[in-house]
Amino acid sequence: VTVPDLICIVSDDTKQPVTNPNFEPGLRVSVIGLPAPKEWRTSEGLKVFGPKHFGYDIEYVPIEKKF
């Protein structure tokens, strides 16, 4: 999954989101990928919030085409 699509990490026990500072060894999580809002998937949206904006030399591939 690449930006702007979403990668959400949820605690299996509490069903609450888990952010990077809250990870600890042994924590059981589920990872969910979601499509970005359509505005971010346009050519203009990808210029502002796509992989190349963050320095990645890759093309955006929508999550639904990856799986």
C-alpha atoms as a PDB file:
ATOM      1  CA  VAL A   1       0.000   0.000   0.000  1.00  0.00           C
ATOM      2  CA  THR A   2       1.338   3.429  -0.873  1.00  0.00           C
ATOM      3  CA  VAL A   3       0.363   6.936   0.062  1.00  0.00           C
ATOM      4  CA  PRO A   4      -2.297   8.352  -0.248  1.00  0.00           C
ATOM      5  CA  ASP A   5      -4.109   5.069   0.526  1.00  0.00           C
ATOM      6  CA  LEU A   6      -4.473   4.370   4.231  1.00  0.00           C
ATOM      7  CA  ILE A   7      -2.786   1.751   6.380  1.00  0.00           C
ATOM      8  CA  CYS A   8      -4.654   1.396   9.668  1.00  0.00           C
ATOM      9  CA  ILE A   9      -3.336  -0.672  12.577  1.00  0.00           C
ATOM     10  CA  VAL A  10      -5.825  -1.773  15.221  1.00  0.00           C
ATOM     11  CA  SER A  11      -5.288  -3.608  18.515  1.00  0.00           C
ATOM     12  CA  ASP A  12      -6.872  -7.059  18.375  1.00  0.00           C
ATOM     13  CA  ASP A  13      -7.713  -6.827  22.085  1.00  0.00           C
ATOM     14  CA  THR A  14      -9.148  -3.310  22.409  1.00  0.00           C
ATOM     15  CA  LYS A  15     -10.165  -2.710  18.775  1.00  0.00           C
ATOM     16  CA  GLN A  16      -8.610   0.758  19.133  1.00  0.00           C
ATOM     17  CA  PRO A  17      -6.099   2.315  16.705  1.00  0.00           C
ATOM     18  CA  VAL A  18      -2.427   1.797  17.516  1.00  0.00           C
ATOM     19  CA  THR A  19       0.072   4.528  16.637  1.00  0.00           C
ATOM     20  CA  ASN A  20       3.837   4.076  16.242  1.00  0.00           C
ATOM     21  CA  PRO A  21       4.789   5.240  19.765  1.00  0.00           C
ATOM     22  CA  ASN A  22       2.362   2.710  21.275  1.00  0.00           C
ATOM     23  CA  PHE A  23       3.756  -0.439  19.658  1.00  0.00           C
ATOM     24  CA  GLU A  24       5.325  -2.940  22.006  1.00  0.00           C
ATOM     25  CA  PRO A  25       6.659  -6.465  21.524  1.00  0.00           C
ATOM     26  CA  GLY A  26       3.916  -9.077  21.621  1.00  0.00           C
ATOM     27  CA  LEU A  27       1.102  -6.641  20.807  1.00  0.00           C
ATOM     28  CA  ARG A  28      -1.460  -8.416  18.638  1.00  0.00           C
ATOM     29  CA  VAL A  29      -2.763  -6.201  15.848  1.00  0.00           C
ATOM     30  CA  SER A  30      -4.726  -6.283  12.620  1.00  0.00           C
ATOM     31  CA  VAL A  31      -3.603  -4.226   9.631  1.00  0.00           C
ATOM     32  CA  ILE A  32      -6.293  -2.771   7.383  1.00  0.00           C
ATOM     33  CA  GLY A  33      -5.689  -1.058   4.045  1.00  0.00           C
ATOM     34  CA  LEU A  34      -8.286   1.412   2.779  1.00  0.00           C
ATOM     35  CA  PRO A  35      -8.549   3.434  -0.426  1.00  0.00           C
ATOM     36  CA  ALA A  36      -7.846   7.148  -0.108  1.00  0.00           C
ATOM     37  CA  PRO A  37     -10.634   9.645  -0.780  1.00  0.00           C
ATOM     38  CA  LYS A  38     -11.068  10.232  -4.515  1.00  0.00           C
ATOM     39  CA  GLU A  39      -9.682  13.786  -4.283  1.00  0.00           C
ATOM     40  CA  TRP A  40      -6.245  12.446  -3.274  1.00  0.00           C
ATOM     41  CA  ARG A  41      -6.245   9.977  -6.187  1.00  0.00           C
ATOM     42  CA  THR A  42      -6.419  12.660  -8.883  1.00  0.00           C
ATOM     43  CA  SER A  43      -3.236  13.833 -10.628  1.00  0.00           C
ATOM     44  CA  GLU A  44      -3.384  17.075  -8.624  1.00  0.00           C
ATOM     45  CA  GLY A  45      -3.946  15.208  -5.356  1.00  0.00           C
ATOM     46  CA  LEU A  46      -1.032  12.873  -6.049  1.00  0.00           C
ATOM     47  CA  LYS A  47       1.267  15.852  -6.700  1.00  0.00           C
ATOM     48  CA  VAL A  48       0.554  17.091  -3.184  1.00  0.00           C
ATOM     49  CA  PHE A  49       0.205  13.803  -1.317  1.00  0.00           C
ATOM     50  CA  GLY A  50       1.546  10.999  -3.511  1.00  0.00           C
ATOM     51  CA  PRO A  51       4.672   8.829  -3.171  1.00  0.00           C
ATOM     52  CA  LYS A  52       6.891  11.192  -5.204  1.00  0.00           C
ATOM     53  CA  HIS A  53       6.015  14.115  -2.909  1.00  0.00           C
ATOM     54  CA  PHE A  54       7.614  12.155  -0.049  1.00  0.00           C
ATOM     55  CA  GLY A  55      10.736  11.301  -2.049  1.00  0.00           C
ATOM     56  CA  TYR A  56       9.790   7.780  -3.169  1.00  0.00           C
ATOM     57  CA  ASP A  57      10.683   6.965  -6.763  1.00  0.00           C
ATOM     58  CA  ILE A  58       7.597   4.823  -7.340  1.00  0.00           C
ATOM     59  CA  GLU A  59       4.280   5.290  -9.077  1.00  0.00           C
ATOM     60  CA  TYR A  60       1.053   5.257  -7.116  1.00  0.00           C
ATOM     61  CA  VAL A  61      -0.864   2.012  -7.526  1.00  0.00           C
ATOM     62  CA  PRO A  62      -4.345   2.018  -5.948  1.00  0.00           C
ATOM     63  CA  ILE A  63      -4.734  -0.521  -3.165  1.00  0.00           C
ATOM     64  CA  GLU A  64      -7.515  -2.371  -4.983  1.00  0.00           C
ATOM     65  CA  LYS A  65      -5.090  -3.112  -7.843  1.00  0.00           C
ATOM     66  CA  LYS A  66      -2.447  -4.545  -5.506  1.00  0.00           C
ATOM     67  CA  PHE A  67      -4.518  -7.389  -4.121  1.00  0.00           C
END
